[in-house]
Amino acid sequence: MEGFTDEFTSVIIVTLVYLILYYVFMVNVLRVKLKVVKRCKEQGERFERYSMQYPDLLAADRIQMNMLEHMPPFLALLWLQALVVSAESAAMLGWVYVILRALYPLFLGGELKSNIPMRLLFNTFAAYGVMGVMLGWTLWALVA
């Protein structure tokens, strides 16, 4: 096991940071939800969790859920890249992806109304690009 951890330490760290970021986003959903519940109580309104009434809560949900949606393919591609191509390239691409994920809330903004902001597409397609590179590079290494 020691040889494995020595070789893949950088990929393990990327994986752990990614998972920590996911839980940070999850805690943010709880923080925003509690803020919205408090606001509803102060205004004498009924809190309806899954309505479109709370753009700040919708944004927090979207941030966490978008990360969750892409977690399986990212982690699979990260580890396939590490095992088939190299741990170094996987860690480098993994860090780029994690940074893009961490910046996602800034691109989305604090509220989500009827449409996503166009600036979000830059972040989203850049992240898709990183995963595409990992997929292509892994496939190339397997067939070459």
N, C-alpha and C. Protein backbone atom coordinates (compact mmCIF):
# COMPACT_ATOMS: atom_id res chain seq x y z
N MET A 1 0.82 -1.20 0.00
CA MET A 1 0.00 0.00 0.00
C MET A 1 0.86 1.26 0.00
N GLU A 2 2.02 1.18 0.63
CA GLU A 2 2.89 2.34 0.70
C GLU A 2 3.34 2.79 -0.68
N GLY A 3 3.65 1.86 -1.57
CA GLY A 3 4.04 2.22 -2.93
C GLY A 3 2.92 2.93 -3.67
N PHE A 4 1.69 2.46 -3.48
CA PHE A 4 0.54 3.09 -4.12
C PHE A 4 0.39 4.53 -3.64
N THR A 5 0.41 4.74 -2.32
CA THR A 5 0.23 6.09 -1.79
C THR A 5 1.38 7.00 -2.19
N ASP A 6 2.59 6.47 -2.27
CA ASP A 6 3.72 7.28 -2.72
C ASP A 6 3.49 7.76 -4.15
N GLU A 7 3.06 6.85 -5.01
CA GLU A 7 2.87 7.19 -6.42
C GLU A 7 1.67 8.10 -6.65
N PHE A 8 0.62 7.92 -5.87
CA PHE A 8 -0.64 8.62 -6.14
C PHE A 8 -1.01 9.67 -5.09
N THR A 9 -0.05 10.10 -4.28
CA THR A 9 -0.34 11.10 -3.24
C THR A 9 -1.00 12.34 -3.81
N SER A 10 -0.48 12.85 -4.92
CA SER A 10 -1.03 14.08 -5.50
C SER A 10 -2.48 13.89 -5.95
N VAL A 11 -2.80 12.73 -6.49
CA VAL A 11 -4.18 12.46 -6.94
C VAL A 11 -5.10 12.25 -5.74
N ILE A 12 -4.58 11.63 -4.71
CA ILE A 12 -5.36 11.45 -3.47
C ILE A 12 -5.70 12.82 -2.88
N ILE A 13 -4.73 13.73 -2.87
CA ILE A 13 -4.97 15.08 -2.33
C ILE A 13 -6.01 15.81 -3.16
N VAL A 14 -5.91 15.74 -4.49
CA VAL A 14 -6.93 16.37 -5.36
C VAL A 14 -8.31 15.80 -5.03
N THR A 15 -8.39 14.49 -4.89
CA THR A 15 -9.67 13.84 -4.57
C THR A 15 -10.22 14.34 -3.24
N LEU A 16 -9.38 14.41 -2.23
CA LEU A 16 -9.83 14.86 -0.91
C LEU A 16 -10.26 16.32 -0.92
N VAL A 17 -9.51 17.18 -1.62
CA VAL A 17 -9.89 18.60 -1.71
C VAL A 17 -11.22 18.74 -2.43
N TYR A 18 -11.40 17.97 -3.48
CA TYR A 18 -12.66 18.00 -4.23
C TYR A 18 -13.84 17.62 -3.31
N LEU A 19 -13.66 16.56 -2.54
CA LEU A 19 -14.73 16.12 -1.63
C LEU A 19 -14.98 17.14 -0.53
N ILE A 20 -13.93 17.76 -0.01
CA ILE A 20 -14.10 18.81 1.00
C ILE A 20 -14.87 19.98 0.41
N LEU A 21 -14.53 20.37 -0.82
CA LEU A 21 -15.25 21.46 -1.48
C LEU A 21 -16.73 21.12 -1.63
N TYR A 22 -17.02 19.88 -1.98
CA TYR A 22 -18.42 19.45 -2.09
C TYR A 22 -19.16 19.66 -0.77
N TYR A 23 -18.54 19.28 0.33
CA TYR A 23 -19.20 19.44 1.63
C TYR A 23 -19.28 20.90 2.05
N VAL A 24 -18.34 21.72 1.63
CA VAL A 24 -18.44 23.16 1.87
C VAL A 24 -19.68 23.70 1.16
N PHE A 25 -19.88 23.28 -0.09
CA PHE A 25 -21.07 23.71 -0.83
C PHE A 25 -22.35 23.19 -0.18
N MET A 26 -22.30 22.00 0.37
CA MET A 26 -23.46 21.44 1.06
C MET A 26 -23.80 22.26 2.32
N VAL A 27 -22.79 22.62 3.07
CA VAL A 27 -23.00 23.44 4.27
C VAL A 27 -23.54 24.81 3.87
N ASN A 28 -23.09 25.31 2.72
CA ASN A 28 -23.60 26.59 2.24
C ASN A 28 -25.11 26.51 1.97
N VAL A 29 -25.57 25.40 1.42
CA VAL A 29 -27.02 25.24 1.19
C VAL A 29 -27.76 25.34 2.52
N LEU A 30 -27.26 24.68 3.54
CA LEU A 30 -27.89 24.74 4.86
C LEU A 30 -27.88 26.17 5.40
N ARG A 31 -26.75 26.86 5.24
CA ARG A 31 -26.63 28.24 5.72
C ARG A 31 -27.66 29.14 5.05
N VAL A 32 -27.77 29.02 3.73
CA VAL A 32 -28.72 29.85 2.99
C VAL A 32 -30.15 29.47 3.34
N LYS A 33 -30.42 28.18 3.48
CA LYS A 33 -31.77 27.74 3.83
C LYS A 33 -32.18 28.32 5.18
N LEU A 34 -31.31 28.27 6.16
CA LEU A 34 -31.63 28.82 7.49
C LEU A 34 -31.88 30.32 7.40
N LYS A 35 -31.12 31.01 6.57
CA LYS A 35 -31.32 32.45 6.38
C LYS A 35 -32.68 32.73 5.75
N VAL A 36 -33.07 31.92 4.77
CA VAL A 36 -34.37 32.09 4.11
C VAL A 36 -35.51 31.77 5.08
N VAL A 37 -35.37 30.70 5.86
CA VAL A 37 -36.40 30.35 6.84
C VAL A 37 -36.59 31.49 7.83
N LYS A 38 -35.49 32.05 8.29
CA LYS A 38 -35.57 33.17 9.23
C LYS A 38 -36.26 34.36 8.59
N ARG A 39 -35.92 34.65 7.35
CA ARG A 39 -36.55 35.76 6.63
C ARG A 39 -38.06 35.53 6.48
N CYS A 40 -38.44 34.29 6.18
CA CYS A 40 -39.86 33.96 6.05
C CYS A 40 -40.59 34.16 7.37
N LYS A 41 -39.99 33.69 8.46
CA LYS A 41 -40.62 33.86 9.78
C LYS A 41 -40.79 35.33 10.12
N GLU A 42 -39.76 36.13 9.83
CA GLU A 42 -39.83 37.56 10.13
C GLU A 42 -40.92 38.24 9.32
N GLN A 43 -41.18 37.76 8.11
CA GLN A 43 -42.19 38.37 7.24
C GLN A 43 -43.55 37.69 7.38
N GLY A 44 -43.63 36.68 8.26
CA GLY A 44 -44.88 35.99 8.48
C GLY A 44 -45.32 35.12 7.30
N GLU A 45 -44.39 34.69 6.51
CA GLU A 45 -44.68 33.87 5.33
C GLU A 45 -44.38 32.41 5.63
N ARG A 46 -45.04 31.54 4.89
CA ARG A 46 -44.78 30.10 4.99
C ARG A 46 -43.57 29.77 4.12
N PHE A 47 -42.64 29.01 4.66
CA PHE A 47 -41.45 28.59 3.92
C PHE A 47 -41.82 27.40 3.04
N GLU A 48 -41.66 27.55 1.74
CA GLU A 48 -41.93 26.48 0.79
C GLU A 48 -40.62 26.12 0.09
N ARG A 49 -39.95 25.11 0.61
CA ARG A 49 -38.59 24.76 0.21
C ARG A 49 -38.38 24.62 -1.29
N TYR A 50 -39.25 23.93 -1.97
CA TYR A 50 -39.01 23.64 -3.37
C TYR A 50 -39.85 24.50 -4.30
N SER A 51 -39.92 25.77 -3.98
CA SER A 51 -40.61 26.71 -4.85
C SER A 51 -39.55 27.60 -5.51
N MET A 52 -39.97 28.40 -6.42
CA MET A 52 -39.04 29.30 -7.12
C MET A 52 -38.97 30.66 -6.43
N GLN A 53 -39.43 30.73 -5.18
CA GLN A 53 -39.54 32.01 -4.48
C GLN A 53 -38.22 32.54 -3.93
N TYR A 54 -37.21 31.69 -3.81
CA TYR A 54 -36.00 32.07 -3.09
C TYR A 54 -34.78 31.96 -4.01
N PRO A 55 -34.47 33.00 -4.76
CA PRO A 55 -33.37 32.92 -5.73
C PRO A 55 -32.01 32.63 -5.09
N ASP A 56 -31.82 33.07 -3.85
CA ASP A 56 -30.55 32.78 -3.17
C ASP A 56 -30.44 31.30 -2.82
N LEU A 57 -31.54 30.69 -2.43
CA LEU A 57 -31.55 29.26 -2.13
C LEU A 57 -31.43 28.43 -3.41
N LEU A 58 -32.06 28.90 -4.48
CA LEU A 58 -31.92 28.21 -5.77
C LEU A 58 -30.46 28.20 -6.23
N ALA A 59 -29.77 29.32 -6.05
CA ALA A 59 -28.35 29.40 -6.44
C ALA A 59 -27.51 28.44 -5.59
N ALA A 60 -27.73 28.43 -4.29
CA ALA A 60 -26.97 27.52 -3.42
C ALA A 60 -27.23 26.06 -3.79
N ASP A 61 -28.49 25.73 -4.06
CA ASP A 61 -28.83 24.37 -4.49
C ASP A 61 -28.13 24.02 -5.80
N ARG A 62 -28.16 24.94 -6.76
CA ARG A 62 -27.57 24.68 -8.08
C ARG A 62 -26.07 24.45 -7.97
N ILE A 63 -25.41 25.21 -7.13
CA ILE A 63 -23.97 25.07 -6.93
C ILE A 63 -23.65 23.67 -6.41
N GLN A 64 -24.36 23.24 -5.38
CA GLN A 64 -24.10 21.93 -4.78
C GLN A 64 -24.52 20.81 -5.71
N MET A 65 -25.68 20.93 -6.32
CA MET A 65 -26.18 19.85 -7.18
C MET A 65 -25.38 19.71 -8.47
N ASN A 66 -24.91 20.84 -9.01
CA ASN A 66 -24.09 20.75 -10.22
C ASN A 66 -22.80 20.00 -9.92
N MET A 67 -22.23 20.26 -8.78
CA MET A 67 -21.01 19.55 -8.40
C MET A 67 -21.29 18.06 -8.21
N LEU A 68 -22.41 17.75 -7.57
CA LEU A 68 -22.79 16.36 -7.37
C LEU A 68 -23.02 15.64 -8.70
N GLU A 69 -23.67 16.32 -9.64
CA GLU A 69 -23.96 15.72 -10.94
C GLU A 69 -22.68 15.32 -11.69
N HIS A 70 -21.64 16.09 -11.51
CA HIS A 70 -20.40 15.85 -12.24
C HIS A 70 -19.36 15.09 -11.43
N MET A 71 -19.69 14.77 -10.19
CA MET A 71 -18.73 14.06 -9.34
C MET A 71 -18.37 12.68 -9.88
N PRO A 72 -19.32 11.81 -10.23
CA PRO A 72 -18.93 10.48 -10.72
C PRO A 72 -18.04 10.51 -11.96
N PRO A 73 -18.40 11.27 -13.01
CA PRO A 73 -17.50 11.27 -14.17
C PRO A 73 -16.14 11.89 -13.86
N PHE A 74 -16.12 12.97 -13.07
CA PHE A 74 -14.83 13.58 -12.77
C PHE A 74 -13.93 12.62 -12.01
N LEU A 75 -14.44 12.02 -10.94
CA LEU A 75 -13.59 11.13 -10.14
C LEU A 75 -13.16 9.90 -10.94
N ALA A 76 -14.06 9.36 -11.76
CA ALA A 76 -13.68 8.22 -12.60
C ALA A 76 -12.60 8.61 -13.59
N LEU A 77 -12.78 9.75 -14.27
CA LEU A 77 -11.77 10.18 -15.25
C LEU A 77 -10.45 10.55 -14.58
N LEU A 78 -10.52 11.17 -13.41
CA LEU A 78 -9.30 11.52 -12.68
C LEU A 78 -8.47 10.28 -12.39
N TRP A 79 -9.13 9.25 -11.85
CA TRP A 79 -8.40 8.04 -11.47
C TRP A 79 -8.00 7.19 -12.68
N LEU A 80 -8.80 7.20 -13.72
CA LEU A 80 -8.38 6.51 -14.95
C LEU A 80 -7.16 7.20 -15.55
N GLN A 81 -7.17 8.52 -15.55
CA GLN A 81 -6.01 9.28 -16.03
C GLN A 81 -4.78 8.92 -15.21
N ALA A 82 -4.93 8.86 -13.91
CA ALA A 82 -3.80 8.55 -13.03
C ALA A 82 -3.28 7.14 -13.26
N LEU A 83 -4.17 6.19 -13.43
CA LEU A 83 -3.77 4.79 -13.56
C LEU A 83 -3.29 4.44 -14.96
N VAL A 84 -3.88 5.04 -15.99
CA VAL A 84 -3.56 4.67 -17.37
C VAL A 84 -2.48 5.58 -17.96
N VAL A 85 -2.54 6.87 -17.65
CA VAL A 85 -1.60 7.83 -18.25
C VAL A 85 -0.48 8.14 -17.25
N SER A 86 -0.79 8.96 -16.24
CA SER A 86 0.19 9.26 -15.20
C SER A 86 -0.48 9.99 -14.05
N ALA A 87 0.05 9.79 -12.87
CA ALA A 87 -0.47 10.48 -11.69
C ALA A 87 -0.21 11.98 -11.79
N GLU A 88 0.92 12.35 -12.37
CA GLU A 88 1.26 13.77 -12.49
C GLU A 88 0.27 14.52 -13.37
N SER A 89 -0.05 13.94 -14.54
CA SER A 89 -0.99 14.61 -15.43
C SER A 89 -2.39 14.63 -14.81
N ALA A 90 -2.75 13.57 -14.12
CA ALA A 90 -4.06 13.52 -13.47
C ALA A 90 -4.15 14.60 -12.39
N ALA A 91 -3.12 14.75 -11.61
CA ALA A 91 -3.13 15.77 -10.55
C ALA A 91 -3.21 17.17 -11.15
N MET A 92 -2.44 17.42 -12.21
CA MET A 92 -2.45 18.74 -12.84
C MET A 92 -3.85 19.06 -13.38
N LEU A 93 -4.42 18.14 -14.14
CA LEU A 93 -5.76 18.36 -14.69
C LEU A 93 -6.81 18.39 -13.57
N GLY A 94 -6.62 17.57 -12.57
CA GLY A 94 -7.54 17.56 -11.44
C GLY A 94 -7.57 18.89 -10.71
N TRP A 95 -6.38 19.50 -10.50
CA TRP A 95 -6.34 20.80 -9.84
C TRP A 95 -7.04 21.86 -10.66
N VAL A 96 -6.86 21.83 -11.98
CA VAL A 96 -7.56 22.80 -12.84
C VAL A 96 -9.06 22.65 -12.67
N TYR A 97 -9.52 21.40 -12.67
CA TYR A 97 -10.96 21.14 -12.52
C TYR A 97 -11.47 21.59 -11.16
N VAL A 98 -10.73 21.28 -10.10
CA VAL A 98 -11.15 21.68 -8.74
C VAL A 98 -11.22 23.20 -8.63
N ILE A 99 -10.27 23.89 -9.22
CA ILE A 99 -10.28 25.36 -9.18
C ILE A 99 -11.51 25.89 -9.93
N LEU A 100 -11.80 25.30 -11.09
CA LEU A 100 -13.00 25.70 -11.82
C LEU A 100 -14.26 25.46 -10.98
N ARG A 101 -14.33 24.34 -10.30
CA ARG A 101 -15.47 24.03 -9.43
C ARG A 101 -15.57 25.06 -8.31
N ALA A 102 -14.43 25.41 -7.71
CA ALA A 102 -14.42 26.37 -6.61
C ALA A 102 -14.88 27.75 -7.08
N LEU A 103 -14.62 28.08 -8.35
CA LEU A 103 -15.02 29.37 -8.90
C LEU A 103 -16.47 29.40 -9.40
N TYR A 104 -17.08 28.24 -9.52
CA TYR A 104 -18.45 28.13 -10.04
C TYR A 104 -19.42 29.09 -9.34
N PRO A 105 -19.40 29.19 -8.00
CA PRO A 105 -20.33 30.11 -7.34
C PRO A 105 -20.14 31.57 -7.76
N LEU A 106 -18.90 31.95 -8.05
CA LEU A 106 -18.65 33.33 -8.48
C LEU A 106 -19.24 33.58 -9.87
N PHE A 107 -19.16 32.58 -10.74
CA PHE A 107 -19.73 32.71 -12.08
C PHE A 107 -21.26 32.68 -12.04
N LEU A 108 -21.82 31.88 -11.15
CA LEU A 108 -23.27 31.78 -11.04
C LEU A 108 -23.86 33.04 -10.41
N GLY A 109 -23.23 33.49 -9.33
CA GLY A 109 -23.74 34.63 -8.60
C GLY A 109 -24.54 34.19 -7.39
N GLY A 110 -24.98 35.13 -6.60
CA GLY A 110 -25.66 34.84 -5.35
C GLY A 110 -27.13 34.49 -5.49
N GLU A 111 -27.70 34.75 -6.67
CA GLU A 111 -29.11 34.45 -6.88
C GLU A 111 -29.29 33.79 -8.24
N LEU A 112 -30.28 32.92 -8.32
CA LEU A 112 -30.62 32.27 -9.58
C LEU A 112 -32.09 32.54 -9.84
N LYS A 113 -32.32 33.24 -10.93
CA LYS A 113 -33.72 33.55 -11.27
C LYS A 113 -34.16 32.60 -12.37
N SER A 114 -34.78 33.07 -13.41
CA SER A 114 -35.35 32.17 -14.42
C SER A 114 -34.30 31.58 -15.36
N ASN A 115 -33.22 32.29 -15.62
CA ASN A 115 -32.19 31.81 -16.55
C ASN A 115 -30.82 31.85 -15.89
N ILE A 116 -29.95 30.95 -16.37
CA ILE A 116 -28.58 30.99 -15.86
C ILE A 116 -27.84 32.14 -16.54
N PRO A 117 -26.90 32.76 -15.83
CA PRO A 117 -26.13 33.83 -16.47
C PRO A 117 -25.20 33.26 -17.54
N MET A 118 -25.04 33.96 -18.63
CA MET A 118 -24.20 33.49 -19.73
C MET A 118 -22.75 33.30 -19.29
N ARG A 119 -22.28 34.08 -18.33
CA ARG A 119 -20.89 33.96 -17.86
C ARG A 119 -20.62 32.58 -17.27
N LEU A 120 -21.68 31.93 -16.81
CA LEU A 120 -21.53 30.60 -16.21
C LEU A 120 -21.09 29.57 -17.25
N LEU A 121 -21.46 29.79 -18.50
CA LEU A 121 -21.09 28.85 -19.56
C LEU A 121 -19.58 28.77 -19.73
N PHE A 122 -18.87 29.87 -19.51
CA PHE A 122 -17.40 29.85 -19.60
C PHE A 122 -16.84 28.85 -18.60
N ASN A 123 -17.30 28.93 -17.37
CA ASN A 123 -16.84 28.02 -16.33
C ASN A 123 -17.25 26.59 -16.63
N THR A 124 -18.49 26.40 -17.02
CA THR A 124 -19.02 25.06 -17.28
C THR A 124 -18.28 24.38 -18.43
N PHE A 125 -18.12 25.08 -19.56
CA PHE A 125 -17.47 24.47 -20.71
C PHE A 125 -15.97 24.27 -20.49
N ALA A 126 -15.35 25.12 -19.68
CA ALA A 126 -13.94 24.90 -19.33
C ALA A 126 -13.81 23.60 -18.52
N ALA A 127 -14.72 23.38 -17.59
CA ALA A 127 -14.70 22.14 -16.79
C ALA A 127 -14.95 20.92 -17.67
N TYR A 128 -15.91 21.04 -18.60
CA TYR A 128 -16.15 19.95 -19.55
C TYR A 128 -14.89 19.68 -20.37
N GLY A 129 -14.20 20.74 -20.73
CA GLY A 129 -12.97 20.60 -21.51
C GLY A 129 -11.91 19.81 -20.77
N VAL A 130 -11.76 20.09 -19.48
CA VAL A 130 -10.78 19.35 -18.67
C VAL A 130 -11.14 17.87 -18.65
N MET A 131 -12.41 17.57 -18.44
CA MET A 131 -12.83 16.16 -18.43
C MET A 131 -12.67 15.53 -19.81
N GLY A 132 -12.91 16.30 -20.85
CA GLY A 132 -12.71 15.80 -22.21
C GLY A 132 -11.26 15.47 -22.49
N VAL A 133 -10.36 16.31 -21.98
CA VAL A 133 -8.93 16.03 -22.14
C VAL A 133 -8.56 14.74 -21.42
N MET A 134 -9.05 14.58 -20.21
CA MET A 134 -8.76 13.34 -19.47
C MET A 134 -9.31 12.12 -20.20
N LEU A 135 -10.52 12.22 -20.70
CA LEU A 135 -11.12 11.11 -21.44
C LEU A 135 -10.32 10.79 -22.70
N GLY A 136 -10.05 11.81 -23.48
CA GLY A 136 -9.30 11.60 -24.72
C GLY A 136 -7.90 11.07 -24.49
N TRP A 137 -7.20 11.59 -23.52
CA TRP A 137 -5.84 11.19 -23.23
C TRP A 137 -5.82 9.73 -22.74
N THR A 138 -6.78 9.39 -21.90
CA THR A 138 -6.86 8.01 -21.40
C THR A 138 -7.17 7.05 -22.54
N LEU A 139 -8.13 7.40 -23.37
CA LEU A 139 -8.44 6.53 -24.53
C LEU A 139 -7.23 6.39 -25.45
N TRP A 140 -6.55 7.49 -25.70
CA TRP A 140 -5.36 7.46 -26.56
C TRP A 140 -4.30 6.52 -25.97
N ALA A 141 -4.08 6.62 -24.68
CA ALA A 141 -3.07 5.76 -24.01
C ALA A 141 -3.47 4.29 -24.09
N LEU A 142 -4.75 4.01 -24.09
CA LEU A 142 -5.20 2.62 -24.15
C LEU A 142 -5.06 2.02 -25.54
N VAL A 143 -5.27 2.82 -26.57
CA VAL A 143 -5.24 2.29 -27.94
C VAL A 143 -3.90 2.48 -28.63
N ALA A 144 -3.08 3.35 -28.13
CA ALA A 144 -1.78 3.64 -28.80
C ALA A 144 -0.74 2.58 -28.47
